[in-house]
Amino acid sequence: MRVQPRASRSGVAGELDGALKVRLASPPVDGEANDELVRVLAKLFDVSRAQIEIISGQTSKNKLVWVKGISAVLCEMALREALE
């Protein structure tokens, strides 16, 4: 996943080099962008924020995220809808 902090608005922006691109309105200060990413992904996958975990890339634009409690099929369907 590739994030773009300080965007005009938050949301899924498409695909970039095989990774999901997510724009975040929050700045990358004091974890605000990471918190915003968790909120955006929780809404996208219709899960609680507690089910989203940033595995790696806490201070990077490239992140690895784990969505707990959702099947790969449902995840793919949500992403396909978001990218259309």
N, C-alpha and C. Protein backbone atom coordinates (compact mmCIF):
# COMPACT_ATOMS: atom_id res chain seq x y z
N MET A 1 0.85 -1.16 0.00
CA MET A 1 0.00 0.00 0.00
C MET A 1 0.90 1.23 0.00
N ARG A 2 0.49 2.21 -0.75
CA ARG A 2 1.24 3.47 -0.83
C ARG A 2 0.29 4.58 -0.38
N VAL A 3 0.73 5.39 0.58
CA VAL A 3 -0.12 6.48 1.08
C VAL A 3 0.44 7.83 0.66
N GLN A 4 -0.47 8.78 0.51
CA GLN A 4 -0.12 10.15 0.17
C GLN A 4 -0.73 11.06 1.22
N PRO A 5 0.05 11.46 2.22
CA PRO A 5 -0.48 12.36 3.25
C PRO A 5 -0.66 13.78 2.71
N ARG A 6 -1.42 14.57 3.45
CA ARG A 6 -1.71 15.97 3.12
C ARG A 6 -2.41 16.13 1.78
N ALA A 7 -3.25 15.17 1.42
CA ALA A 7 -4.05 15.28 0.20
C ALA A 7 -5.25 16.17 0.48
N SER A 8 -5.94 16.59 -0.56
CA SER A 8 -7.10 17.46 -0.38
C SER A 8 -8.24 16.72 0.31
N ARG A 9 -8.33 15.40 0.08
CA ARG A 9 -9.34 14.60 0.77
C ARG A 9 -8.84 13.16 0.87
N SER A 10 -9.42 12.42 1.79
CA SER A 10 -9.01 11.04 2.03
C SER A 10 -9.82 10.07 1.19
N GLY A 11 -9.16 9.00 0.73
CA GLY A 11 -9.86 7.95 0.00
C GLY A 11 -8.91 7.15 -0.85
N VAL A 12 -9.44 6.08 -1.43
CA VAL A 12 -8.66 5.22 -2.31
C VAL A 12 -8.49 5.95 -3.63
N ALA A 13 -7.24 6.01 -4.10
CA ALA A 13 -6.94 6.77 -5.31
C ALA A 13 -6.62 5.90 -6.51
N GLY A 14 -6.53 4.60 -6.31
CA GLY A 14 -6.23 3.71 -7.42
C GLY A 14 -5.08 2.80 -7.11
N GLU A 15 -4.35 2.45 -8.17
CA GLU A 15 -3.23 1.52 -8.05
C GLU A 15 -1.97 2.23 -8.52
N LEU A 16 -0.86 1.98 -7.85
CA LEU A 16 0.42 2.56 -8.22
C LEU A 16 1.49 1.48 -8.10
N ASP A 17 2.06 1.08 -9.23
CA ASP A 17 3.10 0.05 -9.27
C ASP A 17 2.68 -1.23 -8.55
N GLY A 18 1.44 -1.66 -8.75
CA GLY A 18 0.95 -2.89 -8.15
C GLY A 18 0.50 -2.77 -6.71
N ALA A 19 0.51 -1.58 -6.16
CA ALA A 19 0.08 -1.36 -4.77
C ALA A 19 -1.14 -0.44 -4.75
N LEU A 20 -1.98 -0.62 -3.75
CA LEU A 20 -3.13 0.24 -3.57
C LEU A 20 -2.65 1.62 -3.13
N LYS A 21 -3.13 2.68 -3.79
CA LYS A 21 -2.76 4.04 -3.41
C LYS A 21 -3.91 4.66 -2.64
N VAL A 22 -3.60 5.19 -1.45
CA VAL A 22 -4.61 5.82 -0.60
C VAL A 22 -4.17 7.24 -0.29
N ARG A 23 -5.04 8.19 -0.57
CA ARG A 23 -4.77 9.59 -0.22
C ARG A 23 -5.32 9.86 1.17
N LEU A 24 -4.55 10.61 1.96
CA LEU A 24 -4.94 10.94 3.32
C LEU A 24 -4.88 12.44 3.53
N ALA A 25 -5.93 13.01 4.07
CA ALA A 25 -5.96 14.45 4.32
C ALA A 25 -5.07 14.84 5.50
N SER A 26 -4.82 13.92 6.39
CA SER A 26 -4.02 14.21 7.59
C SER A 26 -2.54 14.33 7.26
N PRO A 27 -1.81 15.14 8.02
CA PRO A 27 -0.36 15.24 7.83
C PRO A 27 0.34 14.06 8.51
N PRO A 28 1.56 13.75 8.07
CA PRO A 28 2.30 12.64 8.68
C PRO A 28 3.00 13.07 9.97
N VAL A 29 2.23 13.58 10.91
CA VAL A 29 2.76 14.09 12.17
C VAL A 29 2.08 13.37 13.33
N ASP A 30 2.85 12.89 14.28
CA ASP A 30 2.33 12.24 15.49
C ASP A 30 1.35 11.11 15.19
N GLY A 31 1.55 10.39 14.09
CA GLY A 31 0.70 9.26 13.77
C GLY A 31 -0.67 9.62 13.21
N GLU A 32 -0.89 10.90 12.90
CA GLU A 32 -2.21 11.31 12.40
C GLU A 32 -2.55 10.64 11.07
N ALA A 33 -1.58 10.54 10.17
CA ALA A 33 -1.84 9.92 8.87
C ALA A 33 -2.14 8.43 9.05
N ASN A 34 -1.44 7.76 9.95
CA ASN A 34 -1.70 6.34 10.20
C ASN A 34 -3.11 6.15 10.77
N ASP A 35 -3.51 7.01 11.68
CA ASP A 35 -4.87 6.94 12.23
C ASP A 35 -5.91 7.14 11.14
N GLU A 36 -5.66 8.09 10.26
CA GLU A 36 -6.58 8.36 9.15
C GLU A 36 -6.63 7.16 8.20
N LEU A 37 -5.49 6.54 7.95
CA LEU A 37 -5.45 5.34 7.10
C LEU A 37 -6.31 4.24 7.70
N VAL A 38 -6.20 4.01 8.99
CA VAL A 38 -7.00 2.99 9.65
C VAL A 38 -8.48 3.31 9.51
N ARG A 39 -8.87 4.57 9.68
CA ARG A 39 -10.27 4.96 9.53
C ARG A 39 -10.77 4.71 8.10
N VAL A 40 -9.96 5.10 7.11
CA VAL A 40 -10.35 4.94 5.71
C VAL A 40 -10.52 3.46 5.37
N LEU A 41 -9.57 2.64 5.79
CA LEU A 41 -9.64 1.21 5.49
C LEU A 41 -10.78 0.52 6.23
N ALA A 42 -11.03 0.92 7.47
CA ALA A 42 -12.15 0.34 8.22
C ALA A 42 -13.47 0.63 7.51
N LYS A 43 -13.61 1.83 6.99
CA LYS A 43 -14.83 2.19 6.26
C LYS A 43 -14.90 1.41 4.95
N LEU A 44 -13.79 1.31 4.24
CA LEU A 44 -13.74 0.61 2.97
C LEU A 44 -14.15 -0.85 3.11
N PHE A 45 -13.62 -1.52 4.12
CA PHE A 45 -13.88 -2.95 4.31
C PHE A 45 -15.04 -3.23 5.25
N ASP A 46 -15.67 -2.17 5.77
CA ASP A 46 -16.82 -2.29 6.66
C ASP A 46 -16.50 -3.16 7.88
N VAL A 47 -15.38 -2.81 8.53
CA VAL A 47 -14.93 -3.49 9.75
C VAL A 47 -14.63 -2.42 10.80
N SER A 48 -14.42 -2.84 12.03
CA SER A 48 -14.05 -1.89 13.07
C SER A 48 -12.58 -1.48 12.91
N ARG A 49 -12.23 -0.34 13.45
CA ARG A 49 -10.84 0.13 13.37
C ARG A 49 -9.90 -0.83 14.07
N ALA A 50 -10.38 -1.55 15.07
CA ALA A 50 -9.55 -2.51 15.79
C ALA A 50 -9.13 -3.68 14.90
N GLN A 51 -9.83 -3.90 13.81
CA GLN A 51 -9.51 -5.00 12.91
C GLN A 51 -8.47 -4.63 11.85
N ILE A 52 -8.02 -3.38 11.85
CA ILE A 52 -7.00 -2.93 10.90
C ILE A 52 -5.70 -2.75 11.66
N GLU A 53 -4.65 -3.37 11.16
CA GLU A 53 -3.34 -3.27 11.81
C GLU A 53 -2.27 -2.94 10.76
N ILE A 54 -1.49 -1.91 11.04
CA ILE A 54 -0.36 -1.58 10.17
C ILE A 54 0.81 -2.45 10.61
N ILE A 55 1.17 -3.41 9.78
CA ILE A 55 2.21 -4.39 10.11
C ILE A 55 3.61 -3.78 9.97
N SER A 56 3.84 -3.05 8.89
CA SER A 56 5.14 -2.41 8.70
C SER A 56 4.95 -1.10 7.95
N GLY A 57 5.92 -0.21 8.09
CA GLY A 57 5.87 1.08 7.41
C GLY A 57 5.24 2.18 8.23
N GLN A 58 5.34 2.08 9.55
CA GLN A 58 4.73 3.10 10.42
C GLN A 58 5.17 4.52 10.04
N THR A 59 6.42 4.70 9.63
CA THR A 59 6.94 6.03 9.31
C THR A 59 7.25 6.18 7.82
N SER A 60 6.72 5.29 7.01
CA SER A 60 6.99 5.29 5.57
C SER A 60 5.71 5.51 4.79
N LYS A 61 5.87 5.92 3.54
CA LYS A 61 4.70 6.03 2.67
C LYS A 61 4.25 4.65 2.18
N ASN A 62 5.15 3.69 2.20
CA ASN A 62 4.84 2.31 1.82
C ASN A 62 4.49 1.53 3.08
N LYS A 63 3.33 0.93 3.11
CA LYS A 63 2.85 0.25 4.31
C LYS A 63 2.32 -1.14 3.96
N LEU A 64 2.44 -2.02 4.93
CA LEU A 64 1.85 -3.34 4.85
C LEU A 64 0.76 -3.39 5.91
N VAL A 65 -0.47 -3.69 5.49
CA VAL A 65 -1.62 -3.62 6.38
C VAL A 65 -2.30 -4.98 6.45
N TRP A 66 -2.77 -5.31 7.64
CA TRP A 66 -3.51 -6.57 7.86
C TRP A 66 -4.94 -6.21 8.25
N VAL A 67 -5.90 -6.78 7.55
CA VAL A 67 -7.31 -6.59 7.87
C VAL A 67 -7.79 -7.91 8.47
N LYS A 68 -8.10 -7.89 9.75
CA LYS A 68 -8.52 -9.10 10.46
C LYS A 68 -10.01 -9.34 10.27
N GLY A 69 -10.37 -10.61 10.19
CA GLY A 69 -11.78 -10.98 10.19
C GLY A 69 -12.51 -10.76 8.88
N ILE A 70 -11.79 -10.69 7.78
CA ILE A 70 -12.44 -10.53 6.48
C ILE A 70 -11.76 -11.50 5.50
N SER A 71 -12.55 -12.15 4.69
CA SER A 71 -11.99 -13.10 3.75
C SER A 71 -11.32 -12.38 2.58
N ALA A 72 -10.46 -13.09 1.90
CA ALA A 72 -9.77 -12.52 0.75
C ALA A 72 -10.78 -12.15 -0.34
N VAL A 73 -11.83 -12.94 -0.47
CA VAL A 73 -12.86 -12.68 -1.48
C VAL A 73 -13.57 -11.36 -1.18
N LEU A 74 -13.99 -11.17 0.07
CA LEU A 74 -14.67 -9.92 0.45
C LEU A 74 -13.73 -8.72 0.32
N CYS A 75 -12.48 -8.92 0.66
CA CYS A 75 -11.48 -7.87 0.53
C CYS A 75 -11.33 -7.45 -0.93
N GLU A 76 -11.21 -8.44 -1.80
CA GLU A 76 -11.07 -8.17 -3.23
C GLU A 76 -12.30 -7.46 -3.79
N MET A 77 -13.50 -7.87 -3.34
CA MET A 77 -14.73 -7.23 -3.81
C MET A 77 -14.78 -5.76 -3.39
N ALA A 78 -14.41 -5.48 -2.14
CA ALA A 78 -14.41 -4.10 -1.64
C ALA A 78 -13.41 -3.25 -2.41
N LEU A 79 -12.24 -3.80 -2.69
CA LEU A 79 -11.24 -3.06 -3.44
C LEU A 79 -11.69 -2.82 -4.88
N ARG A 80 -12.29 -3.82 -5.48
CA ARG A 80 -12.77 -3.67 -6.86
C ARG A 80 -13.82 -2.55 -6.93
N GLU A 81 -14.74 -2.52 -5.98
CA GLU A 81 -15.76 -1.46 -5.94
C GLU A 81 -15.13 -0.09 -5.76
N ALA A 82 -14.14 -0.01 -4.89
CA ALA A 82 -13.49 1.28 -4.61
C ALA A 82 -12.72 1.80 -5.82
N LEU A 83 -12.17 0.90 -6.61
CA LEU A 83 -11.36 1.30 -7.76
C LEU A 83 -12.19 1.60 -9.01
N GLU A 84 -13.46 1.24 -9.00
CA GLU A 84 -14.31 1.51 -10.17
C GLU A 84 -14.77 2.93 -10.22
